[in-house]
Amino acid sequence: FHAAYSTIQYRSLLKITEDEFTGPPFEVIVELILVLILSLFAGLTVPG
């Protein structure tokens, strides 16, 4: 949810500065990779 909010906030900043959106910031991509690893870990260990 934080990565999604950061991307939305970044896009609104780009609209204010009238820049082109080329992709999410590097921090968001790193956060999404970390989310993938953590959710895979939780998905494999929580069920039993």
All heavy atoms as atom14 arrays in JSON, in Angstrom:
{
  "sequence": "FHAAYSTIQYRSLLKITEDEFTGPPFEVIVELILVLILSLFAGLTVPG",
  "atom14_mask": [
    [1, 1, 1, 1, 1, 1, 1, 1, 1, 1, 1, 0, 0, 0],
    [1, 1, 1, 1, 1, 1, 1, 1, 1, 1, 0, 0, 0, 0],
    [1, 1, 1, 1, 1, 0, 0, 0, 0, 0, 0, 0, 0, 0],
    [1, 1, 1, 1, 1, 0, 0, 0, 0, 0, 0, 0, 0, 0],
    [1, 1, 1, 1, 1, 1, 1, 1, 1, 1, 1, 1, 0, 0],
    [1, 1, 1, 1, 1, 1, 0, 0, 0, 0, 0, 0, 0, 0],
    [1, 1, 1, 1, 1, 1, 1, 0, 0, 0, 0, 0, 0, 0],
    [1, 1, 1, 1, 1, 1, 1, 1, 0, 0, 0, 0, 0, 0],
    [1, 1, 1, 1, 1, 1, 1, 1, 1, 0, 0, 0, 0, 0],
    [1, 1, 1, 1, 1, 1, 1, 1, 1, 1, 1, 1, 0, 0],
    [1, 1, 1, 1, 1, 1, 1, 1, 1, 1, 1, 0, 0, 0],
    [1, 1, 1, 1, 1, 1, 0, 0, 0, 0, 0, 0, 0, 0],
    [1, 1, 1, 1, 1, 1, 1, 1, 0, 0, 0, 0, 0, 0],
    [1, 1, 1, 1, 1, 1, 1, 1, 0, 0, 0, 0, 0, 0],
    [1, 1, 1, 1, 1, 1, 1, 1, 1, 0, 0, 0, 0, 0],
    [1, 1, 1, 1, 1, 1, 1, 1, 0, 0, 0, 0, 0, 0],
    [1, 1, 1, 1, 1, 1, 1, 0, 0, 0, 0, 0, 0, 0],
    [1, 1, 1, 1, 1, 1, 1, 1, 1, 0, 0, 0, 0, 0],
    [1, 1, 1, 1, 1, 1, 1, 1, 0, 0, 0, 0, 0, 0],
    [1, 1, 1, 1, 1, 1, 1, 1, 1, 0, 0, 0, 0, 0],
    [1, 1, 1, 1, 1, 1, 1, 1, 1, 1, 1, 0, 0, 0],
    [1, 1, 1, 1, 1, 1, 1, 0, 0, 0, 0, 0, 0, 0],
    [1, 1, 1, 1, 0, 0, 0, 0, 0, 0, 0, 0, 0, 0],
    [1, 1, 1, 1, 1, 1, 1, 0, 0, 0, 0, 0, 0, 0],
    [1, 1, 1, 1, 1, 1, 1, 0, 0, 0, 0, 0, 0, 0],
    [1, 1, 1, 1, 1, 1, 1, 1, 1, 1, 1, 0, 0, 0],
    [1, 1, 1, 1, 1, 1, 1, 1, 1, 0, 0, 0, 0, 0],
    [1, 1, 1, 1, 1, 1, 1, 0, 0, 0, 0, 0, 0, 0],
    [1, 1, 1, 1, 1, 1, 1, 1, 0, 0, 0, 0, 0, 0],
    [1, 1, 1, 1, 1, 1, 1, 0, 0, 0, 0, 0, 0, 0],
    [1, 1, 1, 1, 1, 1, 1, 1, 1, 0, 0, 0, 0, 0],
    [1, 1, 1, 1, 1, 1, 1, 1, 0, 0, 0, 0, 0, 0],
    [1, 1, 1, 1, 1, 1, 1, 1, 0, 0, 0, 0, 0, 0],
    [1, 1, 1, 1, 1, 1, 1, 1, 0, 0, 0, 0, 0, 0],
    [1, 1, 1, 1, 1, 1, 1, 0, 0, 0, 0, 0, 0, 0],
    [1, 1, 1, 1, 1, 1, 1, 1, 0, 0, 0, 0, 0, 0],
    [1, 1, 1, 1, 1, 1, 1, 1, 0, 0, 0, 0, 0, 0],
    [1, 1, 1, 1, 1, 1, 1, 1, 0, 0, 0, 0, 0, 0],
    [1, 1, 1, 1, 1, 1, 0, 0, 0, 0, 0, 0, 0, 0],
    [1, 1, 1, 1, 1, 1, 1, 1, 0, 0, 0, 0, 0, 0],
    [1, 1, 1, 1, 1, 1, 1, 1, 1, 1, 1, 0, 0, 0],
    [1, 1, 1, 1, 1, 0, 0, 0, 0, 0, 0, 0, 0, 0],
    [1, 1, 1, 1, 0, 0, 0, 0, 0, 0, 0, 0, 0, 0],
    [1, 1, 1, 1, 1, 1, 1, 1, 0, 0, 0, 0, 0, 0],
    [1, 1, 1, 1, 1, 1, 1, 0, 0, 0, 0, 0, 0, 0],
    [1, 1, 1, 1, 1, 1, 1, 0, 0, 0, 0, 0, 0, 0],
    [1, 1, 1, 1, 1, 1, 1, 0, 0, 0, 0, 0, 0, 0],
    [1, 1, 1, 1, 0, 0, 0, 0, 0, 0, 0, 0, 0, 0]
  ],
  "atom14_positions": [
    [[0.83, -1.21, 0.0], [0.0, 0.0, 0.0], [0.86, 1.26, 0.0], [0.54, 2.25, -0.66], [-0.95, 0.01, 1.2], [-2.1, -0.95, 1.06], [-2.48, -1.73, 2.13], [-2.8, -1.08, -0.12], [-3.53, -2.61, 2.02], [-3.85, -1.95, -0.24], [-4.22, -2.72, 0.83], [0.0, 0.0, 0.0], [0.0, 0.0, 0.0], [0.0, 0.0, 0.0]],
    [[1.98, 1.23, 0.73], [2.87, 2.38, 0.76], [3.51, 2.62, -0.61], [3.65, 3.77, -1.05], [3.97, 2.18, 1.82], [4.91, 3.34, 1.9], [6.12, 3.34, 1.24], [4.81, 4.52, 2.54], [6.72, 4.49, 1.47], [5.96, 5.22, 2.26], [0.0, 0.0, 0.0], [0.0, 0.0, 0.0], [0.0, 0.0, 0.0], [0.0, 0.0, 0.0]],
    [[3.87, 1.56, -1.3], [4.44, 1.72, -2.64], [3.41, 2.3, -3.61], [3.75, 3.15, -4.44], [4.95, 0.37, -3.15], [0.0, 0.0, 0.0], [0.0, 0.0, 0.0], [0.0, 0.0, 0.0], [0.0, 0.0, 0.0], [0.0, 0.0, 0.0], [0.0, 0.0, 0.0], [0.0, 0.0, 0.0], [0.0, 0.0, 0.0], [0.0, 0.0, 0.0]],
    [[2.17, 1.86, -3.5], [1.11, 2.4, -4.36], [0.88, 3.88, -4.05], [0.76, 4.71, -4.97], [-0.17, 1.61, -4.17], [0.0, 0.0, 0.0], [0.0, 0.0, 0.0], [0.0, 0.0, 0.0], [0.0, 0.0, 0.0], [0.0, 0.0, 0.0], [0.0, 0.0, 0.0], [0.0, 0.0, 0.0], [0.0, 0.0, 0.0], [0.0, 0.0, 0.0]],
    [[0.85, 4.23, -2.78], [0.65, 5.63, -2.38], [1.82, 6.49, -2.85], [1.62, 7.61, -3.33], [0.48, 5.72, -0.86], [0.3, 7.13, -0.37], [-0.91, 7.79, -0.55], [1.34, 7.81, 0.25], [-1.07, 9.09, -0.12], [1.19, 9.1, 0.68], [-0.02, 9.75, 0.5], [-0.18, 11.03, 0.92], [0.0, 0.0, 0.0], [0.0, 0.0, 0.0]],
    [[3.04, 5.97, -2.75], [4.22, 6.73, -3.18], [4.19, 6.97, -4.69], [4.56, 8.04, -5.16], [5.49, 5.98, -2.81], [5.61, 5.88, -1.42], [0.0, 0.0, 0.0], [0.0, 0.0, 0.0], [0.0, 0.0, 0.0], [0.0, 0.0, 0.0], [0.0, 0.0, 0.0], [0.0, 0.0, 0.0], [0.0, 0.0, 0.0], [0.0, 0.0, 0.0]],
    [[3.74, 5.97, -5.44], [3.65, 6.14, -6.89], [2.59, 7.17, -7.26], [2.8, 8.0, -8.15], [3.35, 4.79, -7.56], [4.36, 3.86, -7.16], [3.33, 4.91, -9.06], [0.0, 0.0, 0.0], [0.0, 0.0, 0.0], [0.0, 0.0, 0.0], [0.0, 0.0, 0.0], [0.0, 0.0, 0.0], [0.0, 0.0, 0.0], [0.0, 0.0, 0.0]],
    [[1.45, 7.13, -6.58], [0.4, 8.12, -6.84], [0.88, 9.51, -6.49], [0.65, 10.48, -7.23], [-0.87, 7.74, -6.06], [-1.48, 6.47, -6.62], [-1.89, 8.88, -6.1], [-2.58, 5.89, -5.77], [0.0, 0.0, 0.0], [0.0, 0.0, 0.0], [0.0, 0.0, 0.0], [0.0, 0.0, 0.0], [0.0, 0.0, 0.0], [0.0, 0.0, 0.0]],
    [[1.57, 9.64, -5.38], [2.11, 10.94, -4.97], [3.17, 11.43, -5.97], [3.21, 12.61, -6.31], [2.71, 10.81, -3.58], [3.09, 12.11, -2.95], [3.59, 11.92, -1.53], [3.97, 10.83, -1.15], [3.59, 12.99, -0.77], [0.0, 0.0, 0.0], [0.0, 0.0, 0.0], [0.0, 0.0, 0.0], [0.0, 0.0, 0.0], [0.0, 0.0, 0.0]],
    [[3.99, 10.53, -6.48], [5.01, 10.88, -7.47], [4.37, 11.35, -8.77], [4.81, 12.32, -9.38], [5.91, 9.67, -7.71], [6.96, 9.87, -8.77], [8.04, 10.72, -8.55], [6.88, 9.2, -9.98], [9.01, 10.9, -9.52], [7.84, 9.37, -10.96], [8.9, 10.22, -10.72], [9.86, 10.4, -11.68], [0.0, 0.0, 0.0], [0.0, 0.0, 0.0]],
    [[3.29, 10.68, -9.17], [2.6, 11.09, -10.41], [1.94, 12.45, -10.25], [1.93, 13.26, -11.18], [1.57, 10.05, -10.81], [2.22, 8.82, -11.41], [1.22, 7.94, -12.02], [0.54, 8.66, -13.1], [0.17, 8.11, -14.23], [0.42, 6.85, -14.45], [-0.45, 8.8, -15.15], [0.0, 0.0, 0.0], [0.0, 0.0, 0.0], [0.0, 0.0, 0.0]],
    [[1.39, 12.72, -9.07], [0.78, 14.04, -8.87], [1.85, 15.13, -8.86], [1.62, 16.24, -9.33], [-0.04, 14.06, -7.59], [0.8, 13.89, -6.46], [0.0, 0.0, 0.0], [0.0, 0.0, 0.0], [0.0, 0.0, 0.0], [0.0, 0.0, 0.0], [0.0, 0.0, 0.0], [0.0, 0.0, 0.0], [0.0, 0.0, 0.0], [0.0, 0.0, 0.0]],
    [[3.04, 14.82, -8.34], [4.15, 15.77, -8.38], [4.58, 16.03, -9.81], [4.9, 17.17, -10.18], [5.32, 15.24, -7.55], [6.59, 16.09, -7.54], [6.33, 17.39, -6.78], [7.72, 15.33, -6.91], [0.0, 0.0, 0.0], [0.0, 0.0, 0.0], [0.0, 0.0, 0.0], [0.0, 0.0, 0.0], [0.0, 0.0, 0.0], [0.0, 0.0, 0.0]],
    [[4.59, 14.99, -10.63], [4.95, 15.17, -12.04], [3.92, 16.0, -12.79], [4.26, 16.75, -13.72], [5.13, 13.81, -12.73], [6.37, 13.02, -12.33], [6.38, 11.68, -13.06], [7.63, 13.79, -12.62], [0.0, 0.0, 0.0], [0.0, 0.0, 0.0], [0.0, 0.0, 0.0], [0.0, 0.0, 0.0], [0.0, 0.0, 0.0], [0.0, 0.0, 0.0]],
    [[2.64, 15.87, -12.41], [1.61, 16.69, -13.06], [1.8, 18.16, -12.72], [1.56, 19.04, -13.55], [0.22, 16.22, -12.64], [-0.2, 14.94, -13.29], [-1.59, 14.55, -12.86], [-1.98, 13.21, -13.44], [-3.3, 12.78, -12.96], [0.0, 0.0, 0.0], [0.0, 0.0, 0.0], [0.0, 0.0, 0.0], [0.0, 0.0, 0.0], [0.0, 0.0, 0.0]],
    [[2.2, 18.42, -11.47], [2.41, 19.81, -11.06], [3.59, 20.41, -11.8], [3.53, 21.55, -12.28], [2.6, 19.88, -9.53], [1.3, 19.53, -8.82], [3.08, 21.27, -9.1], [1.45, 19.38, -7.32], [0.0, 0.0, 0.0], [0.0, 0.0, 0.0], [0.0, 0.0, 0.0], [0.0, 0.0, 0.0], [0.0, 0.0, 0.0], [0.0, 0.0, 0.0]],
    [[4.66, 19.65, -11.92], [5.85, 20.14, -12.61], [5.78, 19.95, -14.13], [6.7, 20.36, -14.83], [7.12, 19.44, -12.08], [7.0, 18.03, -12.28], [7.32, 19.74, -10.61], [0.0, 0.0, 0.0], [0.0, 0.0, 0.0], [0.0, 0.0, 0.0], [0.0, 0.0, 0.0], [0.0, 0.0, 0.0], [0.0, 0.0, 0.0], [0.0, 0.0, 0.0]],
    [[4.7, 19.35, -14.63], [4.44, 19.11, -16.05], [5.55, 18.3, -16.7], [5.99, 18.58, -17.82], [4.24, 20.44, -16.78], [3.02, 21.2, -16.3], [2.87, 22.54, -16.99], [3.75, 22.93, -17.78], [1.85, 23.2, -16.74], [0.0, 0.0, 0.0], [0.0, 0.0, 0.0], [0.0, 0.0, 0.0], [0.0, 0.0, 0.0], [0.0, 0.0, 0.0]],
    [[6.01, 17.27, -16.0], [6.99, 16.34, -16.54], [6.29, 15.09, -17.05], [5.15, 14.8, -16.7], [8.02, 15.94, -15.48], [8.98, 17.07, -15.16], [9.18, 17.93, -16.02], [9.51, 17.09, -14.02], [0.0, 0.0, 0.0], [0.0, 0.0, 0.0], [0.0, 0.0, 0.0], [0.0, 0.0, 0.0], [0.0, 0.0, 0.0], [0.0, 0.0, 0.0]],
    [[6.99, 14.32, -17.87], [6.47, 13.08, -18.43], [6.69, 11.94, -17.43], [7.76, 11.85, -16.83], [7.17, 12.77, -19.75], [6.68, 11.53, -20.44], [5.49, 11.8, -21.33], [5.24, 12.96, -21.67], [4.83, 10.82, -21.68], [0.0, 0.0, 0.0], [0.0, 0.0, 0.0], [0.0, 0.0, 0.0], [0.0, 0.0, 0.0], [0.0, 0.0, 0.0]],
    [[5.69, 11.07, -17.28], [5.83, 9.9, -16.4], [6.49, 8.79, -17.19], [5.93, 8.28, -18.16], [4.47, 9.45, -15.87], [4.54, 8.25, -14.98], [5.0, 8.35, -13.69], [4.15, 7.0, -15.44], [5.07, 7.25, -12.86], [4.22, 5.89, -14.63], [4.68, 6.01, -13.34], [0.0, 0.0, 0.0], [0.0, 0.0, 0.0], [0.0, 0.0, 0.0]],
    [[7.69, 8.4, -16.79], [8.41, 7.33, -17.49], [8.4, 6.04, -16.7], [8.71, 4.99, -17.24], [9.86, 7.74, -17.75], [10.48, 8.08, -16.51], [9.91, 8.94, -18.68], [0.0, 0.0, 0.0], [0.0, 0.0, 0.0], [0.0, 0.0, 0.0], [0.0, 0.0, 0.0], [0.0, 0.0, 0.0], [0.0, 0.0, 0.0], [0.0, 0.0, 0.0]],
    [[8.06, 6.09, -15.44], [8.03, 4.91, -14.59], [8.12, 5.31, -13.13], [8.38, 6.47, -12.81], [0.0, 0.0, 0.0], [0.0, 0.0, 0.0], [0.0, 0.0, 0.0], [0.0, 0.0, 0.0], [0.0, 0.0, 0.0], [0.0, 0.0, 0.0], [0.0, 0.0, 0.0], [0.0, 0.0, 0.0], [0.0, 0.0, 0.0], [0.0, 0.0, 0.0]],
    [[7.9, 4.33, -12.26], [7.97, 4.66, -10.83], [9.41, 4.92, -10.41], [10.36, 4.49, -11.08], [7.41, 3.41, -10.15], [7.58, 2.33, -11.14], [7.51, 2.96, -12.48], [0.0, 0.0, 0.0], [0.0, 0.0, 0.0], [0.0, 0.0, 0.0], [0.0, 0.0, 0.0], [0.0, 0.0, 0.0], [0.0, 0.0, 0.0], [0.0, 0.0, 0.0]],
    [[9.59, 5.62, -9.31], [10.96, 5.88, -8.84], [11.68, 4.6, -8.43], [11.06, 3.57, -8.18], [10.76, 6.79, -7.63], [9.34, 7.13, -7.57], [8.59, 6.27, -8.5], [0.0, 0.0, 0.0], [0.0, 0.0, 0.0], [0.0, 0.0, 0.0], [0.0, 0.0, 0.0], [0.0, 0.0, 0.0], [0.0, 0.0, 0.0], [0.0, 0.0, 0.0]],
    [[12.99, 4.67, -8.33], [13.81, 3.52, -8.0], [13.47, 2.99, -6.61], [13.47, 1.77, -6.39], [15.29, 3.9, -8.08], [16.22, 2.77, -7.74], [16.38, 1.71, -8.61], [16.91, 2.77, -6.54], [17.22, 0.66, -8.29], [17.75, 1.73, -6.22], [17.91, 0.68, -7.09], [0.0, 0.0, 0.0], [0.0, 0.0, 0.0], [0.0, 0.0, 0.0]],
    [[13.16, 3.87, -5.67], [12.82, 3.44, -4.31], [11.56, 2.57, -4.29], [11.47, 1.62, -3.53], [12.63, 4.65, -3.38], [13.87, 5.48, -3.16], [14.08, 6.52, -4.24], [13.14, 6.77, -5.02], [15.19, 7.06, -4.32], [0.0, 0.0, 0.0], [0.0, 0.0, 0.0], [0.0, 0.0, 0.0], [0.0, 0.0, 0.0], [0.0, 0.0, 0.0]],
    [[10.61, 2.92, -5.13], [9.36, 2.15, -5.19], [9.63, 0.77, -5.79], [9.08, -0.24, -5.32], [8.29, 2.92, -5.99], [7.07, 2.06, -6.23], [7.91, 4.19, -5.28], [0.0, 0.0, 0.0], [0.0, 0.0, 0.0], [0.0, 0.0, 0.0], [0.0, 0.0, 0.0], [0.0, 0.0, 0.0], [0.0, 0.0, 0.0], [0.0, 0.0, 0.0]],
    [[10.48, 0.69, -6.79], [10.8, -0.61, -7.39], [11.51, -1.5, -6.39], [11.21, -2.69, -6.27], [11.65, -0.4, -8.67], [10.8, 0.29, -9.73], [12.18, -1.72, -9.19], [11.55, 0.7, -10.96], [0.0, 0.0, 0.0], [0.0, 0.0, 0.0], [0.0, 0.0, 0.0], [0.0, 0.0, 0.0], [0.0, 0.0, 0.0], [0.0, 0.0, 0.0]],
    [[12.45, -0.93, -5.62], [13.14, -1.71, -4.59], [12.14, -2.17, -3.53], [12.19, -3.32, -3.06], [14.28, -0.87, -3.97], [14.84, -1.55, -2.73], [15.37, -0.63, -4.99], [0.0, 0.0, 0.0], [0.0, 0.0, 0.0], [0.0, 0.0, 0.0], [0.0, 0.0, 0.0], [0.0, 0.0, 0.0], [0.0, 0.0, 0.0], [0.0, 0.0, 0.0]],
    [[11.21, -1.28, -3.16], [10.2, -1.64, -2.17], [9.3, -2.77, -2.69], [8.95, -3.68, -1.94], [9.37, -0.41, -1.83], [8.43, -0.6, -0.67], [7.75, 0.68, -0.26], [7.96, 1.73, -0.91], [6.99, 0.65, 0.72], [0.0, 0.0, 0.0], [0.0, 0.0, 0.0], [0.0, 0.0, 0.0], [0.0, 0.0, 0.0], [0.0, 0.0, 0.0]],
    [[8.95, -2.75, -3.96], [8.11, -3.8, -4.53], [8.84, -5.13, -4.59], [8.24, -6.19, -4.38], [7.63, -3.4, -5.92], [6.57, -2.3, -5.96], [6.29, -1.88, -7.39], [5.3, -2.76, -5.27], [0.0, 0.0, 0.0], [0.0, 0.0, 0.0], [0.0, 0.0, 0.0], [0.0, 0.0, 0.0], [0.0, 0.0, 0.0], [0.0, 0.0, 0.0]],
    [[10.14, -5.12, -4.87], [10.92, -6.37, -4.85], [10.97, -6.93, -3.44], [10.81, -8.14, -3.23], [12.32, -6.12, -5.43], [12.22, -5.83, -6.92], [13.24, -7.31, -5.18], [13.5, -5.36, -7.56], [0.0, 0.0, 0.0], [0.0, 0.0, 0.0], [0.0, 0.0, 0.0], [0.0, 0.0, 0.0], [0.0, 0.0, 0.0], [0.0, 0.0, 0.0]],
    [[11.14, -6.05, -2.44], [11.14, -6.49, -1.05], [9.77, -7.04, -0.65], [9.67, -8.05, 0.06], [11.57, -5.35, -0.14], [11.77, -5.69, 1.33], [12.88, -6.7, 1.49], [12.07, -4.43, 2.11], [0.0, 0.0, 0.0], [0.0, 0.0, 0.0], [0.0, 0.0, 0.0], [0.0, 0.0, 0.0], [0.0, 0.0, 0.0], [0.0, 0.0, 0.0]],
    [[8.7, -6.41, -1.13], [7.34, -6.89, -0.85], [7.15, -8.28, -1.47], [6.55, -9.16, -0.84], [6.29, -5.89, -1.39], [4.92, -6.53, -1.48], [6.24, -4.66, -0.52], [0.0, 0.0, 0.0], [0.0, 0.0, 0.0], [0.0, 0.0, 0.0], [0.0, 0.0, 0.0], [0.0, 0.0, 0.0], [0.0, 0.0, 0.0], [0.0, 0.0, 0.0]],
    [[7.65, -8.49, -2.66], [7.53, -9.8, -3.31], [8.22, -10.87, -2.48], [7.66, -11.94, -2.25], [8.12, -9.73, -4.72], [8.15, -11.05, -5.48], [6.74, -11.5, -5.82], [9.0, -10.94, -6.71], [0.0, 0.0, 0.0], [0.0, 0.0, 0.0], [0.0, 0.0, 0.0], [0.0, 0.0, 0.0], [0.0, 0.0, 0.0], [0.0, 0.0, 0.0]],
    [[9.42, -10.59, -2.02], [10.17, -11.58, -1.24], [9.46, -11.86, 0.09], [9.29, -13.03, 0.48], [11.6, -11.09, -1.01], [12.36, -11.06, -2.34], [12.33, -11.95, 0.01], [13.69, -10.35, -2.29], [0.0, 0.0, 0.0], [0.0, 0.0, 0.0], [0.0, 0.0, 0.0], [0.0, 0.0, 0.0], [0.0, 0.0, 0.0], [0.0, 0.0, 0.0]],
    [[9.01, -10.8, 0.77], [8.34, -10.99, 2.07], [7.01, -11.73, 1.93], [6.67, -12.58, 2.74], [8.13, -9.65, 2.76], [9.37, -8.95, 3.29], [9.01, -7.59, 3.86], [10.07, -9.8, 4.31], [0.0, 0.0, 0.0], [0.0, 0.0, 0.0], [0.0, 0.0, 0.0], [0.0, 0.0, 0.0], [0.0, 0.0, 0.0], [0.0, 0.0, 0.0]],
    [[6.25, -11.38, 0.88], [4.95, -12.05, 0.72], [5.12, -13.51, 0.3], [4.32, -14.36, 0.7], [4.08, -11.29, -0.28], [4.71, -11.27, -1.54], [0.0, 0.0, 0.0], [0.0, 0.0, 0.0], [0.0, 0.0, 0.0], [0.0, 0.0, 0.0], [0.0, 0.0, 0.0], [0.0, 0.0, 0.0], [0.0, 0.0, 0.0], [0.0, 0.0, 0.0]],
    [[6.13, -13.82, -0.5], [6.39, -15.22, -0.82], [6.79, -16.0, 0.43], [6.34, -17.13, 0.64], [7.5, -15.34, -1.87], [7.08, -15.07, -3.31], [8.3, -15.07, -4.22], [6.07, -16.09, -3.77], [0.0, 0.0, 0.0], [0.0, 0.0, 0.0], [0.0, 0.0, 0.0], [0.0, 0.0, 0.0], [0.0, 0.0, 0.0], [0.0, 0.0, 0.0]],
    [[7.62, -15.4, 1.26], [8.02, -16.05, 2.5], [6.8, -16.3, 3.4], [6.6, -17.4, 3.91], [9.05, -15.19, 3.24], [9.38, -15.7, 4.61], [10.2, -16.8, 4.77], [8.85, -15.09, 5.73], [10.5, -17.28, 6.03], [9.15, -15.57, 6.99], [9.97, -16.66, 7.15], [0.0, 0.0, 0.0], [0.0, 0.0, 0.0], [0.0, 0.0, 0.0]],
    [[5.96, -15.27, 3.55], [4.78, -15.42, 4.41], [3.79, -16.4, 3.81], [3.17, -17.18, 4.53], [4.12, -14.05, 4.63], [0.0, 0.0, 0.0], [0.0, 0.0, 0.0], [0.0, 0.0, 0.0], [0.0, 0.0, 0.0], [0.0, 0.0, 0.0], [0.0, 0.0, 0.0], [0.0, 0.0, 0.0], [0.0, 0.0, 0.0], [0.0, 0.0, 0.0]],
    [[3.63, -16.38, 2.5], [2.69, -17.28, 1.85], [3.09, -18.74, 1.96], [2.25, -19.63, 1.97], [0.0, 0.0, 0.0], [0.0, 0.0, 0.0], [0.0, 0.0, 0.0], [0.0, 0.0, 0.0], [0.0, 0.0, 0.0], [0.0, 0.0, 0.0], [0.0, 0.0, 0.0], [0.0, 0.0, 0.0], [0.0, 0.0, 0.0], [0.0, 0.0, 0.0]],
    [[4.39, -19.0, 2.02], [4.85, -20.38, 2.13], [4.94, -20.87, 3.57], [4.89, -22.08, 3.8], [6.21, -20.53, 1.45], [6.2, -20.42, -0.07], [7.61, -20.43, -0.61], [5.39, -21.53, -0.68], [0.0, 0.0, 0.0], [0.0, 0.0, 0.0], [0.0, 0.0, 0.0], [0.0, 0.0, 0.0], [0.0, 0.0, 0.0], [0.0, 0.0, 0.0]],
    [[5.06, -19.98, 4.53], [5.24, -20.42, 5.92], [3.98, -20.34, 6.75], [3.82, -21.11, 7.7], [6.34, -19.6, 6.6], [6.01, -18.22, 6.53], [7.68, -19.87, 5.97], [0.0, 0.0, 0.0], [0.0, 0.0, 0.0], [0.0, 0.0, 0.0], [0.0, 0.0, 0.0], [0.0, 0.0, 0.0], [0.0, 0.0, 0.0], [0.0, 0.0, 0.0]],
    [[3.06, -19.44, 6.45], [1.85, -19.28, 7.29], [0.9, -20.46, 7.18], [0.4, -20.94, 8.19], [1.14, -17.95, 6.97], [-0.23, -17.88, 7.59], [1.99, -16.78, 7.45], [0.0, 0.0, 0.0], [0.0, 0.0, 0.0], [0.0, 0.0, 0.0], [0.0, 0.0, 0.0], [0.0, 0.0, 0.0], [0.0, 0.0, 0.0], [0.0, 0.0, 0.0]],
    [[0.61, -21.01, 5.98], [-0.37, -22.09, 5.92], [0.01, -23.34, 6.71], [-0.85, -24.1, 7.1], [-0.47, -22.42, 4.43], [-0.02, -21.21, 3.75], [1.0, -20.6, 4.64], [0.0, 0.0, 0.0], [0.0, 0.0, 0.0], [0.0, 0.0, 0.0], [0.0, 0.0, 0.0], [0.0, 0.0, 0.0], [0.0, 0.0, 0.0], [0.0, 0.0, 0.0]],
    [[1.26, -23.61, 6.92], [1.65, -24.78, 7.69], [2.46, -25.74, 6.85], [2.99, -25.4, 5.8], [0.0, 0.0, 0.0], [0.0, 0.0, 0.0], [0.0, 0.0, 0.0], [0.0, 0.0, 0.0], [0.0, 0.0, 0.0], [0.0, 0.0, 0.0], [0.0, 0.0, 0.0], [0.0, 0.0, 0.0], [0.0, 0.0, 0.0], [0.0, 0.0, 0.0]]
  ]
}
